[in-house]
Structures are given as C-alpha cells and as structure tokens.
PDB file of N, CA and C in Angstrom:
ATOM      1  N   MET A   1      38.503 -14.334 -15.053  1.00  0.00           N
ATOM      2  CA  MET A   1      38.727 -15.232 -13.962  1.00  0.00           C
ATOM      3  C   MET A   1      38.393 -14.643 -12.574  1.00  0.00           C
ATOM      4  N   LYS A   2      38.785 -13.346 -12.472  1.00  0.00           N
ATOM      5  CA  LYS A   2      38.509 -12.703 -11.187  1.00  0.00           C
ATOM      6  C   LYS A   2      36.953 -12.592 -10.926  1.00  0.00           C
ATOM      7  N   ALA A   3      36.209 -12.367 -11.963  1.00  0.00           N
ATOM      8  CA  ALA A   3      34.751 -12.270 -11.860  1.00  0.00           C
ATOM      9  C   ALA A   3      34.180 -13.663 -11.488  1.00  0.00           C
ATOM     10  N   PHE A   4      34.743 -14.726 -12.020  1.00  0.00           N
ATOM     11  CA  PHE A   4      34.291 -16.072 -11.732  1.00  0.00           C
ATOM     12  C   PHE A   4      34.581 -16.378 -10.233  1.00  0.00           C
ATOM     13  N   VAL A   5      35.735 -16.073  -9.784  1.00  0.00           N
ATOM     14  CA  VAL A   5      36.080 -16.302  -8.292  1.00  0.00           C
ATOM     15  C   VAL A   5      35.161 -15.537  -7.407  1.00  0.00           C
ATOM     16  N   CYS A   6      34.861 -14.210  -7.777  1.00  0.00           N
ATOM     17  CA  CYS A   6      33.954 -13.419  -6.972  1.00  0.00           C
ATOM     18  C   CYS A   6      32.548 -14.049  -6.939  1.00  0.00           C
ATOM     19  N   ALA A   7      32.109 -14.556  -8.080  1.00  0.00           N
ATOM     20  CA  ALA A   7      30.761 -15.136  -8.206  1.00  0.00           C
ATOM     21  C   ALA A   7      30.658 -16.437  -7.286  1.00  0.00           C
ATOM     22  N   VAL A   8      31.777 -17.198  -7.362  1.00  0.00           N
ATOM     23  CA  VAL A   8      31.770 -18.454  -6.512  1.00  0.00           C
ATOM     24  C   VAL A   8      31.741 -18.062  -5.052  1.00  0.00           C
ATOM     25  N   VAL A   9      32.533 -17.063  -4.663  1.00  0.00           N
ATOM     26  CA  VAL A   9      32.551 -16.675  -3.220  1.00  0.00           C
ATOM     27  C   VAL A   9      31.174 -16.183  -2.783  1.00  0.00           C
ATOM     28  N   VAL A  10      30.524 -15.313  -3.602  1.00  0.00           N
ATOM     29  CA  VAL A  10      29.203 -14.836  -3.277  1.00  0.00           C
ATOM     30  C   VAL A  10      28.240 -16.016  -3.170  1.00  0.00           C
ATOM     31  N   GLY A  11      28.337 -16.965  -4.128  1.00  0.00           N
ATOM     32  CA  GLY A  11      27.436 -18.136  -4.035  1.00  0.00           C
ATOM     33  C   GLY A  11      27.625 -18.961  -2.824  1.00  0.00           C
ATOM     34  N   LEU A  12      28.850 -19.145  -2.394  1.00  0.00           N
ATOM     35  CA  LEU A  12      29.157 -19.898  -1.135  1.00  0.00           C
ATOM     36  C   LEU A  12      28.612 -19.153   0.106  1.00  0.00           C
ATOM     37  N   LEU A  13      28.844 -17.865   0.099  1.00  0.00           N
ATOM     38  CA  LEU A  13      28.294 -17.030   1.258  1.00  0.00           C
ATOM     39  C   LEU A  13      26.762 -17.117   1.307  1.00  0.00           C
ATOM     40  N   TRP A  14      26.112 -17.075   0.165  1.00  0.00           N
ATOM     41  CA  TRP A  14      24.669 -17.225   0.102  1.00  0.00           C
ATOM     42  C   TRP A  14      24.230 -18.601   0.647  1.00  0.00           C
ATOM     43  N   LEU A  15      24.908 -19.633   0.203  1.00  0.00           N
ATOM     44  CA  LEU A  15      24.545 -21.005   0.675  1.00  0.00           C
ATOM     45  C   LEU A  15      24.803 -21.111   2.179  1.00  0.00           C
ATOM     46  N   ALA A  16      25.821 -20.536   2.679  1.00  0.00           N
ATOM     47  CA  ALA A  16      26.131 -20.577   4.109  1.00  0.00           C
ATOM     48  C   ALA A  16      25.014 -19.868   4.876  1.00  0.00           C
ATOM     49  N   ALA A  17      24.558 -18.726   4.383  1.00  0.00           N
ATOM     50  CA  ALA A  17      23.467 -17.996   5.023  1.00  0.00           C
ATOM     51  C   ALA A  17      22.226 -18.804   5.025  1.00  0.00           C
ATOM     52  N   LEU A  18      21.855 -19.446   3.930  1.00  0.00           N
ATOM     53  CA  LEU A  18      20.663 -20.297   3.829  1.00  0.00           C
ATOM     54  C   LEU A  18      20.745 -21.423   4.827  1.00  0.00           C
ATOM     55  N   SER A  19      21.931 -22.027   5.010  1.00  0.00           N
ATOM     56  CA  SER A  19      22.011 -23.202   5.846  1.00  0.00           C
ATOM     57  C   SER A  19      21.862 -22.796   7.345  1.00  0.00           C
ATOM     58  N   THR A  20      22.166 -21.541   7.692  1.00  0.00           N
ATOM     59  CA  THR A  20      21.983 -21.101   9.058  1.00  0.00           C
ATOM     60  C   THR A  20      20.604 -20.597   9.381  1.00  0.00           C
ATOM     61  N   ALA A  21      19.778 -20.324   8.294  1.00  0.00           N
ATOM     62  CA  ALA A  21      18.417 -19.846   8.520  1.00  0.00           C
ATOM     63  C   ALA A  21      17.547 -21.013   9.059  1.00  0.00           C
ATOM     64  N   LYS A  22      16.829 -20.781  10.060  1.00  0.00           N
ATOM     65  CA  LYS A  22      15.940 -21.842  10.659  1.00  0.00           C
ATOM     66  C   LYS A  22      14.509 -21.501  10.330  1.00  0.00           C
ATOM     67  N   GLU A  23      13.690 -22.536  10.421  1.00  0.00           N
ATOM     68  CA  GLU A  23      12.253 -22.303  10.231  1.00  0.00           C
ATOM     69  C   GLU A  23      11.748 -21.295  11.259  1.00  0.00           C
ATOM     70  N   ALA A  24      10.933 -20.380  10.791  1.00  0.00           N
ATOM     71  CA  ALA A  24      10.380 -19.388  11.684  1.00  0.00           C
ATOM     72  C   ALA A  24       8.946 -19.049  11.254  1.00  0.00           C
ATOM     73  N   SER A  25       8.003 -19.094  12.295  1.00  0.00           N
ATOM     74  CA  SER A  25       6.608 -18.853  11.973  1.00  0.00           C
ATOM     75  C   SER A  25       6.395 -17.357  11.724  1.00  0.00           C
ATOM     76  N   PRO A  26       5.453 -16.994  10.877  1.00  0.00           N
ATOM     77  CA  PRO A  26       5.193 -15.569  10.568  1.00  0.00           C
ATOM     78  C   PRO A  26       4.555 -14.828  11.734  1.00  0.00           C
ATOM     79  N   LYS A  27       4.890 -13.514  11.785  1.00  0.00           N
ATOM     80  CA  LYS A  27       4.237 -12.547  12.702  1.00  0.00           C
ATOM     81  C   LYS A  27       3.271 -11.852  11.737  1.00  0.00           C
ATOM     82  N   VAL A  28       1.998 -11.723  12.109  1.00  0.00           N
ATOM     83  CA  VAL A  28       0.990 -11.195  11.280  1.00  0.00           C
ATOM     84  C   VAL A  28       0.333  -9.871  11.905  1.00  0.00           C
ATOM     85  N   GLN A  29       0.193  -8.846  11.136  1.00  0.00           N
ATOM     86  CA  GLN A  29      -0.461  -7.638  11.529  1.00  0.00           C
ATOM     87  C   GLN A  29      -1.577  -7.419  10.534  1.00  0.00           C
ATOM     88  N   VAL A  30      -2.830  -7.169  11.102  1.00  0.00           N
ATOM     89  CA  VAL A  30      -4.006  -6.923  10.229  1.00  0.00           C
ATOM     90  C   VAL A  30      -4.497  -5.545  10.609  1.00  0.00           C
ATOM     91  N   TYR A  31      -4.628  -4.678   9.600  1.00  0.00           N
ATOM     92  CA  TYR A  31      -5.074  -3.306   9.895  1.00  0.00           C
ATOM     93  C   TYR A  31      -5.624  -2.665   8.671  1.00  0.00           C
ATOM     94  N   SER A  32      -6.203  -1.450   8.821  1.00  0.00           N
ATOM     95  CA  SER A  32      -6.700  -0.690   7.677  1.00  0.00           C
ATOM     96  C   SER A  32      -5.826   0.571   7.592  1.00  0.00           C
ATOM     97  N   ARG A  33      -5.820   1.087   6.328  1.00  0.00           N
ATOM     98  CA  ARG A  33      -4.953   2.305   6.079  1.00  0.00           C
ATOM     99  C   ARG A  33      -5.456   3.489   6.895  1.00  0.00           C
ATOM    100  N   LYS A  34      -6.749   3.670   6.947  1.00  0.00           N
ATOM    101  CA  LYS A  34      -7.346   4.764   7.667  1.00  0.00           C
ATOM    102  C   LYS A  34      -8.181   4.168   8.847  1.00  0.00           C
ATOM    103  N   PRO A  35      -8.517   4.894   9.878  1.00  0.00           N
ATOM    104  CA  PRO A  35      -9.372   4.366  10.902  1.00  0.00           C
ATOM    105  C   PRO A  35     -10.654   3.848  10.304  1.00  0.00           C
ATOM    106  N   GLY A  36     -11.103   2.665  10.730  1.00  0.00           N
ATOM    107  CA  GLY A  36     -12.305   2.044  10.131  1.00  0.00           C
ATOM    108  C   GLY A  36     -13.605   2.786  10.473  1.00  0.00           C
ATOM    109  N   GLU A  37     -14.369   3.093   9.396  1.00  0.00           N
ATOM    110  CA  GLU A  37     -15.689   3.704   9.536  1.00  0.00           C
ATOM    111  C   GLU A  37     -16.603   2.934   8.606  1.00  0.00           C
ATOM    112  N   PHE A  38     -17.773   2.479   9.146  1.00  0.00           N
ATOM    113  CA  PHE A  38     -18.704   1.743   8.342  1.00  0.00           C
ATOM    114  C   PHE A  38     -19.151   2.598   7.194  1.00  0.00           C
ATOM    115  N   GLY A  39     -19.214   2.015   5.989  1.00  0.00           N
ATOM    116  CA  GLY A  39     -19.607   2.662   4.808  1.00  0.00           C
ATOM    117  C   GLY A  39     -18.627   3.547   4.144  1.00  0.00           C
ATOM    118  N   LYS A  40     -17.427   3.708   4.670  1.00  0.00           N
ATOM    119  CA  LYS A  40     -16.401   4.590   4.085  1.00  0.00           C
ATOM    120  C   LYS A  40     -15.319   3.687   3.420  1.00  0.00           C
ATOM    121  N   PRO A  41     -15.039   3.932   2.141  1.00  0.00           N
ATOM    122  CA  PRO A  41     -13.954   3.176   1.463  1.00  0.00           C
ATOM    123  C   PRO A  41     -12.613   3.296   2.217  1.00  0.00           C
ATOM    124  N   ASN A  42     -11.881   2.197   2.225  1.00  0.00           N
ATOM    125  CA  ASN A  42     -10.633   2.085   2.931  1.00  0.00           C
ATOM    126  C   ASN A  42      -9.754   1.088   2.297  1.00  0.00           C
ATOM    127  N   THR A  43      -8.599   0.787   2.863  1.00  0.00           N
ATOM    128  CA  THR A  43      -7.724  -0.302   2.349  1.00  0.00           C
ATOM    129  C   THR A  43      -7.469  -1.277   3.455  1.00  0.00           C
ATOM    130  N   PHE A  44      -7.699  -2.529   3.214  1.00  0.00           N
ATOM    131  CA  PHE A  44      -7.492  -3.600   4.138  1.00  0.00           C
ATOM    132  C   PHE A  44      -6.073  -4.181   3.922  1.00  0.00           C
ATOM    133  N   ILE A  45      -5.300  -4.266   5.002  1.00  0.00           N
ATOM    134  CA  ILE A  45      -3.868  -4.618   4.845  1.00  0.00           C
ATOM    135  C   ILE A  45      -3.517  -5.778   5.803  1.00  0.00           C
ATOM    136  N   CYS A  46      -2.761  -6.735   5.253  1.00  0.00           N
ATOM    137  CA  CYS A  46      -2.178  -7.823   6.067  1.00  0.00           C
ATOM    138  C   CYS A  46      -0.665  -7.858   5.843  1.00  0.00           C
ATOM    139  N   HIS A  47       0.086  -7.545   6.871  1.00  0.00           N
ATOM    140  CA  HIS A  47       1.498  -7.563   6.836  1.00  0.00           C
ATOM    141  C   HIS A  47       2.061  -8.766   7.564  1.00  0.00           C
ATOM    142  N   VAL A  48       2.843  -9.570   6.855  1.00  0.00           N
ATOM    143  CA  VAL A  48       3.392 -10.782   7.394  1.00  0.00           C
ATOM    144  C   VAL A  48       4.918 -10.660   7.380  1.00  0.00           C
ATOM    145  N   SER A  49       5.559 -10.932   8.531  1.00  0.00           N
ATOM    146  CA  SER A  49       6.990 -10.754   8.645  1.00  0.00           C
ATOM    147  C   SER A  49       7.639 -11.879   9.429  1.00  0.00           C
ATOM    148  N   GLY A  50       9.022 -11.926   9.393  1.00  0.00           N
ATOM    149  CA  GLY A  50       9.770 -12.777  10.262  1.00  0.00           C
ATOM    150  C   GLY A  50       9.642 -14.289   9.901  1.00  0.00           C
ATOM    151  N   PHE A  51       9.276 -14.671   8.762  1.00  0.00           N
ATOM    152  CA  PHE A  51       9.088 -16.099   8.495  1.00  0.00           C
ATOM    153  C   PHE A  51      10.155 -16.632   7.589  1.00  0.00           C
ATOM    154  N   HIS A  52      10.397 -17.963   7.722  1.00  0.00           N
ATOM    155  CA  HIS A  52      11.331 -18.679   6.889  1.00  0.00           C
ATOM    156  C   HIS A  52      10.886 -20.165   6.931  1.00  0.00           C
ATOM    157  N   PRO A  53      10.879 -20.878   5.878  1.00  0.00           N
ATOM    158  CA  PRO A  53      11.248 -20.514   4.498  1.00  0.00           C
ATOM    159  C   PRO A  53      10.234 -19.575   3.869  1.00  0.00           C
ATOM    160  N   PRO A  54      10.563 -19.075   2.651  1.00  0.00           N
ATOM    161  CA  PRO A  54       9.738 -18.046   2.017  1.00  0.00           C
ATOM    162  C   PRO A  54       8.421 -18.478   1.428  1.00  0.00           C
ATOM    163  N   GLU A  55       8.138 -19.761   1.343  1.00  0.00           N
ATOM    164  CA  GLU A  55       6.855 -20.216   0.722  1.00  0.00           C
ATOM    165  C   GLU A  55       5.788 -19.879   1.724  1.00  0.00           C
ATOM    166  N   ILE A  56       4.782 -19.045   1.256  1.00  0.00           N
ATOM    167  CA  ILE A  56       3.708 -18.658   2.140  1.00  0.00           C
ATOM    168  C   ILE A  56       2.542 -18.216   1.225  1.00  0.00           C
ATOM    169  N   LYS A  57       1.325 -18.353   1.751  1.00  0.00           N
ATOM    170  CA  LYS A  57       0.142 -17.985   1.026  1.00  0.00           C
ATOM    171  C   LYS A  57      -0.711 -17.062   1.962  1.00  0.00           C
ATOM    172  N   ILE A  58      -1.128 -15.912   1.421  1.00  0.00           N
ATOM    173  CA  ILE A  58      -1.911 -14.901   2.181  1.00  0.00           C
ATOM    174  C   ILE A  58      -3.204 -14.698   1.449  1.00  0.00           C
ATOM    175  N   ASP A  59      -4.327 -14.931   2.128  1.00  0.00           N
ATOM    176  CA  ASP A  59      -5.658 -14.606   1.531  1.00  0.00           C
ATOM    177  C   ASP A  59      -6.360 -13.566   2.353  1.00  0.00           C
ATOM    178  N   LEU A  60      -6.963 -12.584   1.727  1.00  0.00           N
ATOM    179  CA  LEU A  60      -7.792 -11.569   2.402  1.00  0.00           C
ATOM    180  C   LEU A  60      -9.220 -11.993   2.224  1.00  0.00           C
ATOM    181  N   LEU A  61      -9.930 -12.028   3.349  1.00  0.00           N
ATOM    182  CA  LEU A  61     -11.287 -12.617   3.309  1.00  0.00           C
ATOM    183  C   LEU A  61     -12.365 -11.584   3.865  1.00  0.00           C
ATOM    184  N   SER A  62     -13.565 -11.767   3.273  1.00  0.00           N
ATOM    185  CA  SER A  62     -14.764 -11.001   3.800  1.00  0.00           C
ATOM    186  C   SER A  62     -15.769 -12.113   4.018  1.00  0.00           C
ATOM    187  N   ASN A  63     -16.182 -12.308   5.299  1.00  0.00           N
ATOM    188  CA  ASN A  63     -17.128 -13.347   5.653  1.00  0.00           C
ATOM    189  C   ASN A  63     -16.745 -14.715   5.140  1.00  0.00           C
ATOM    190  N   GLY A  64     -15.422 -15.039   5.219  1.00  0.00           N
ATOM    191  CA  GLY A  64     -14.887 -16.334   4.875  1.00  0.00           C
ATOM    192  C   GLY A  64     -14.591 -16.526   3.355  1.00  0.00           C
ATOM    193  N   GLN A  65     -14.920 -15.559   2.564  1.00  0.00           N
ATOM    194  CA  GLN A  65     -14.708 -15.674   1.106  1.00  0.00           C
ATOM    195  C   GLN A  65     -13.604 -14.688   0.669  1.00  0.00           C
ATOM    196  N   GLU A  66     -12.698 -15.244  -0.218  1.00  0.00           N
ATOM    197  CA  GLU A  66     -11.592 -14.430  -0.684  1.00  0.00           C
ATOM    198  C   GLU A  66     -12.071 -13.119  -1.373  1.00  0.00           C
ATOM    199  N   ILE A  67     -11.424 -12.035  -1.017  1.00  0.00           N
ATOM    200  CA  ILE A  67     -11.810 -10.719  -1.648  1.00  0.00           C
ATOM    201  C   ILE A  67     -11.023 -10.611  -2.954  1.00  0.00           C
ATOM    202  N   PRO A  68     -11.681 -10.433  -4.094  1.00  0.00           N
ATOM    203  CA  PRO A  68     -10.987 -10.380  -5.376  1.00  0.00           C
ATOM    204  C   PRO A  68     -10.259  -9.018  -5.510  1.00  0.00           C
ATOM    205  N   GLY A  69      -9.210  -9.034  -6.352  1.00  0.00           N
ATOM    206  CA  GLY A  69      -8.472  -7.793  -6.646  1.00  0.00           C
ATOM    207  C   GLY A  69      -7.380  -7.466  -5.697  1.00  0.00           C
ATOM    208  N   ALA A  70      -7.004  -8.351  -4.758  1.00  0.00           N
ATOM    209  CA  ALA A  70      -5.943  -8.085  -3.794  1.00  0.00           C
ATOM    210  C   ALA A  70      -4.618  -7.991  -4.515  1.00  0.00           C
ATOM    211  N   LYS A  71      -3.753  -7.144  -4.005  1.00  0.00           N
ATOM    212  CA  LYS A  71      -2.356  -6.965  -4.571  1.00  0.00           C
ATOM    213  C   LYS A  71      -1.380  -7.288  -3.490  1.00  0.00           C
ATOM    214  N   GLN A  72      -0.193  -7.684  -3.913  1.00  0.00           N
ATOM    215  CA  GLN A  72       0.818  -8.130  -2.946  1.00  0.00           C
ATOM    216  C   GLN A  72       2.170  -7.512  -3.311  1.00  0.00           C
ATOM    217  N   THR A  73       2.893  -7.105  -2.277  1.00  0.00           N
ATOM    218  CA  THR A  73       4.261  -6.623  -2.512  1.00  0.00           C
ATOM    219  C   THR A  73       5.198  -7.773  -2.953  1.00  0.00           C
ATOM    220  N   ASP A  74       6.354  -7.392  -3.444  1.00  0.00           N
ATOM    221  CA  ASP A  74       7.359  -8.436  -3.773  1.00  0.00           C
ATOM    222  C   ASP A  74       7.932  -8.964  -2.427  1.00  0.00           C
ATOM    223  N   LEU A  75       8.265 -10.264  -2.463  1.00  0.00           N
ATOM    224  CA  LEU A  75       8.852 -10.904  -1.299  1.00  0.00           C
ATOM    225  C   LEU A  75      10.235 -10.233  -0.990  1.00  0.00           C
ATOM    226  N   ALA A  76      10.503  -9.894   0.223  1.00  0.00           N
ATOM    227  CA  ALA A  76      11.689  -9.226   0.649  1.00  0.00           C
ATOM    228  C   ALA A  76      12.272  -9.959   1.851  1.00  0.00           C
ATOM    229  N   PHE A  77      13.597  -9.839   2.008  1.00  0.00           N
ATOM    230  CA  PHE A  77      14.198 -10.550   3.203  1.00  0.00           C
ATOM    231  C   PHE A  77      15.030  -9.586   4.004  1.00  0.00           C
ATOM    232  N   GLU A  78      15.278  -9.936   5.257  1.00  0.00           N
ATOM    233  CA  GLU A  78      16.038  -9.195   6.181  1.00  0.00           C
ATOM    234  C   GLU A  78      17.412  -9.837   6.328  1.00  0.00           C
ATOM    235  N   GLU A  79      18.279  -9.160   7.055  1.00  0.00           N
ATOM    236  CA  GLU A  79      19.651  -9.724   7.259  1.00  0.00           C
ATOM    237  C   GLU A  79      19.706 -11.146   7.761  1.00  0.00           C
ATOM    238  N   ASN A  80      18.761 -11.538   8.548  1.00  0.00           N
ATOM    239  CA  ASN A  80      18.739 -12.900   9.161  1.00  0.00           C
ATOM    240  C   ASN A  80      18.058 -13.884   8.265  1.00  0.00           C
ATOM    241  N   TRP A  81      17.742 -13.570   6.986  1.00  0.00           N
ATOM    242  CA  TRP A  81      17.122 -14.417   6.050  1.00  0.00           C
ATOM    243  C   TRP A  81      15.681 -14.766   6.381  1.00  0.00           C
ATOM    244  N   HIS A  82      15.057 -13.933   7.247  1.00  0.00           N
ATOM    245  CA  HIS A  82      13.601 -14.047   7.444  1.00  0.00           C
ATOM    246  C   HIS A  82      12.970 -13.099   6.489  1.00  0.00           C
ATOM    247  N   TYR A  83      11.753 -13.426   6.019  1.00  0.00           N
ATOM    248  CA  TYR A  83      11.072 -12.710   4.973  1.00  0.00           C
ATOM    249  C   TYR A  83       9.948 -11.884   5.407  1.00  0.00           C
ATOM    250  N   HIS A  84       9.492 -10.944   4.588  1.00  0.00           N
ATOM    251  CA  HIS A  84       8.282 -10.147   4.919  1.00  0.00           C
ATOM    252  C   HIS A  84       7.542  -9.848   3.580  1.00  0.00           C
ATOM    253  N   LEU A  85       6.236  -9.704   3.714  1.00  0.00           N
ATOM    254  CA  LEU A  85       5.361  -9.568   2.564  1.00  0.00           C
ATOM    255  C   LEU A  85       4.065  -8.823   3.022  1.00  0.00           C
ATOM    256  N   THR A  86       3.512  -8.022   2.186  1.00  0.00           N
ATOM    257  CA  THR A  86       2.249  -7.334   2.547  1.00  0.00           C
ATOM    258  C   THR A  86       1.240  -7.519   1.424  1.00  0.00           C
ATOM    259  N   ARG A  87       0.005  -7.874   1.805  1.00  0.00           N
ATOM    260  CA  ARG A  87      -1.104  -7.976   0.853  1.00  0.00           C
ATOM    261  C   ARG A  87      -2.219  -6.975   1.225  1.00  0.00           C
ATOM    262  N   HIS A  88      -2.800  -6.319   0.194  1.00  0.00           N
ATOM    263  CA  HIS A  88      -3.818  -5.349   0.521  1.00  0.00           C
ATOM    264  C   HIS A  88      -4.891  -5.318  -0.561  1.00  0.00           C
ATOM    265  N   VAL A  89      -6.037  -4.745  -0.197  1.00  0.00           N
ATOM    266  CA  VAL A  89      -7.160  -4.675  -1.113  1.00  0.00           C
ATOM    267  C   VAL A  89      -8.108  -3.505  -0.649  1.00  0.00           C
ATOM    268  N   PRO A  90      -8.648  -2.765  -1.631  1.00  0.00           N
ATOM    269  CA  PRO A  90      -9.693  -1.784  -1.201  1.00  0.00           C
ATOM    270  C   PRO A  90     -10.872  -2.541  -0.625  1.00  0.00           C
ATOM    271  N   PHE A  91     -11.520  -1.918   0.411  1.00  0.00           N
ATOM    272  CA  PHE A  91     -12.742  -2.540   0.981  1.00  0.00           C
ATOM    273  C   PHE A  91     -13.514  -1.408   1.639  1.00  0.00           C
ATOM    274  N   THR A  92     -14.781  -1.722   1.844  1.00  0.00           N
ATOM    275  CA  THR A  92     -15.657  -0.762   2.618  1.00  0.00           C
ATOM    276  C   THR A  92     -16.216  -1.534   3.811  1.00  0.00           C
ATOM    277  N   PRO A  93     -15.806  -1.190   5.005  1.00  0.00           N
ATOM    278  CA  PRO A  93     -16.280  -1.942   6.220  1.00  0.00           C
ATOM    279  C   PRO A  93     -17.806  -1.715   6.329  1.00  0.00           C
ATOM    280  N   SER A  94     -18.452  -2.844   6.840  1.00  0.00           N
ATOM    281  CA  SER A  94     -19.843  -2.767   7.190  1.00  0.00           C
ATOM    282  C   SER A  94     -20.054  -3.505   8.484  1.00  0.00           C
ATOM    283  N   SER A  95     -21.117  -3.217   9.218  1.00  0.00           N
ATOM    284  CA  SER A  95     -21.328  -3.764  10.543  1.00  0.00           C
ATOM    285  C   SER A  95     -21.631  -5.310  10.451  1.00  0.00           C
ATOM    286  N   ASP A  96     -22.029  -5.774   9.310  1.00  0.00           N
ATOM    287  CA  ASP A  96     -22.386  -7.220   9.200  1.00  0.00           C
ATOM    288  C   ASP A  96     -21.328  -8.038   8.511  1.00  0.00           C
ATOM    289  N   ALA A  97     -20.117  -7.454   8.196  1.00  0.00           N
ATOM    290  CA  ALA A  97     -19.044  -8.242   7.578  1.00  0.00           C
ATOM    291  C   ALA A  97     -17.895  -8.433   8.570  1.00  0.00           C
ATOM    292  N   VAL A  98     -17.234  -9.595   8.409  1.00  0.00           N
ATOM    293  CA  VAL A  98     -16.086  -9.917   9.142  1.00  0.00           C
ATOM    294  C   VAL A  98     -14.966 -10.000   8.172  1.00  0.00           C
ATOM    295  N   PHE A  99     -13.916  -9.189   8.361  1.00  0.00           N
ATOM    296  CA  PHE A  99     -12.728  -9.157   7.481  1.00  0.00           C
ATOM    297  C   PHE A  99     -11.604  -9.828   8.157  1.00  0.00           C
ATOM    298  N   ALA A 100     -10.845 -10.660   7.395  1.00  0.00           N
ATOM    299  CA  ALA A 100      -9.792 -11.472   8.055  1.00  0.00           C
ATOM    300  C   ALA A 100      -8.655 -11.681   7.027  1.00  0.00           C
ATOM    301  N   CYS A 101      -7.513 -12.041   7.537  1.00  0.00           N
ATOM    302  CA  CYS A 101      -6.351 -12.468   6.795  1.00  0.00           C
ATOM    303  C   CYS A 101      -6.051 -13.911   7.126  1.00  0.00           C
ATOM    304  N   ARG A 102      -5.988 -14.775   6.131  1.00  0.00           N
ATOM    305  CA  ARG A 102      -5.695 -16.204   6.324  1.00  0.00           C
ATOM    306  C   ARG A 102      -4.235 -16.426   5.811  1.00  0.00           C
ATOM    307  N   VAL A 103      -3.381 -16.987   6.675  1.00  0.00           N
ATOM    308  CA  VAL A 103      -1.970 -17.144   6.329  1.00  0.00           C
ATOM    309  C   VAL A 103      -1.639 -18.671   6.408  1.00  0.00           C
ATOM    310  N   THR A 104      -1.070 -19.208   5.317  1.00  0.00           N
ATOM    311  CA  THR A 104      -0.648 -20.652   5.367  1.00  0.00           C
ATOM    312  C   THR A 104       0.826 -20.652   5.139  1.00  0.00           C
ATOM    313  N   HIS A 105       1.555 -21.261   6.152  1.00  0.00           N
ATOM    314  CA  HIS A 105       2.986 -21.374   6.086  1.00  0.00           C
ATOM    315  C   HIS A 105       3.392 -22.695   6.680  1.00  0.00           C
ATOM    316  N   LEU A 106       4.200 -23.455   5.983  1.00  0.00           N
ATOM    317  CA  LEU A 106       4.686 -24.795   6.404  1.00  0.00           C
ATOM    318  C   LEU A 106       3.532 -25.728   6.690  1.00  0.00           C
ATOM    319  N   GLY A 107       2.430 -25.620   5.967  1.00  0.00           N
ATOM    320  CA  GLY A 107       1.269 -26.428   6.068  1.00  0.00           C
ATOM    321  C   GLY A 107       0.333 -26.015   7.260  1.00  0.00           C
ATOM    322  N   ASN A 108       0.732 -25.005   8.001  1.00  0.00           N
ATOM    323  CA  ASN A 108      -0.134 -24.513   9.088  1.00  0.00           C
ATOM    324  C   ASN A 108      -0.931 -23.320   8.611  1.00  0.00           C
ATOM    325  N   THR A 109      -2.239 -23.308   8.813  1.00  0.00           N
ATOM    326  CA  THR A 109      -3.095 -22.162   8.450  1.00  0.00           C
ATOM    327  C   THR A 109      -3.674 -21.515   9.648  1.00  0.00           C
ATOM    328  N   LYS A 110      -3.559 -20.212   9.778  1.00  0.00           N
ATOM    329  CA  LYS A 110      -4.168 -19.422  10.800  1.00  0.00           C
ATOM    330  C   LYS A 110      -4.880 -18.233  10.253  1.00  0.00           C
ATOM    331  N   THR A 111      -6.028 -17.871  10.883  1.00  0.00           N
ATOM    332  CA  THR A 111      -6.839 -16.734  10.410  1.00  0.00           C
ATOM    333  C   THR A 111      -6.729 -15.659  11.473  1.00  0.00           C
ATOM    334  N   TYR A 112      -6.568 -14.430  11.058  1.00  0.00           N
ATOM    335  CA  TYR A 112      -6.433 -13.238  11.888  1.00  0.00           C
ATOM    336  C   TYR A 112      -7.515 -12.281  11.468  1.00  0.00           C
ATOM    337  N   THR A 113      -8.360 -11.900  12.450  1.00  0.00           N
ATOM    338  CA  THR A 113      -9.496 -11.052  12.133  1.00  0.00           C
ATOM    339  C   THR A 113      -9.175  -9.575  12.371  1.00  0.00           C
ATOM    340  N   TRP A 114      -9.641  -8.732  11.465  1.00  0.00           N
ATOM    341  CA  TRP A 114      -9.503  -7.301  11.575  1.00  0.00           C
ATOM    342  C   TRP A 114     -10.420  -6.758  12.597  1.00  0.00           C
ATOM    343  N   GLU A 115      -9.881  -5.910  13.499  1.00  0.00           N
ATOM    344  CA  GLU A 115     -10.699  -5.312  14.532  1.00  0.00           C
ATOM    345  C   GLU A 115     -10.933  -3.862  14.153  1.00  0.00           C
ATOM    346  N   THR A 116     -12.147  -3.423  14.045  1.00  0.00           N
ATOM    347  CA  THR A 116     -12.495  -2.035  13.652  1.00  0.00           C
ATOM    348  C   THR A 116     -12.130  -1.097  14.824  1.00  0.00           C
ATOM    349  N   ASP A 117     -11.849   0.107  14.473  1.00  0.00           N
ATOM    350  CA  ASP A 117     -11.528   1.110  15.519  1.00  0.00           C
ATOM    351  C   ASP A 117     -12.783   1.725  16.046  1.00  0.00           C
ATOM    352  N   MET A 118     -13.962   1.304  15.635  1.00  0.00           N
ATOM    353  CA  MET A 118     -15.187   1.940  16.072  1.00  0.00           C
ATOM    354  C   MET A 118     -15.743   1.250  17.332  1.00  0.00           C
TER     355      MET A 118
END
C-alpha cells in the first residue's frame, strides 16, 4: 500500500510539472568536432536544446540532401521540462558543399548552416 501511495504521489507531481511546461522553441547550435579543414575527416554536430514539447525532427544535410548514417543521443530533459538532443555524423568538408541542420518543431522548420572555421 505504501508503494502504491508513493507511485500515485510521483505520478501527480509529474502531471503537475507537465501542466506547467509551456511551448518553447528550440535553440540550435551547429558545429564540427574539430576545426573545419577542407578534405579532412571530421564530425558534423547539431545540438538542439530548450524545446517543449519533446516531439522534434533533426536532419543533417549536405547540399540539401540528408546525410546517411547520422546518429542521435537519447532525448533528455532539464528541471524545467525543456528537452535537449544532439545529432551527429562523420563528414569531410569541401569548398563546394554546404552543410546544414534542419529542425522541425511544432510544424515549424528552420535550417541552420554550418560555418567553417577557414
């Protein structure tokens, strides 16, 4: 019985936290693991944070086409019930390619372009 009461209290606290969470647009950071050098293998990273609700889609693009083989971290949340997520993929920068992160949240899609350090 004690375990049941604890479970109910935790459930009610969780619901209360969800009801206080408001919609929040994502903050997006696009970067590479190492400084960008043309022709040198690197990792392309898109970190998305501060968003709510948690439904979100992140695509990593090269010249407008999705880059295959991208991996994504597990969805995580902060104390205020805003979420964060990171997607990354190996890539080799070239002077004729445009790399970008496309984020879709609450039906809004925005594209963020990677700026090389060169």
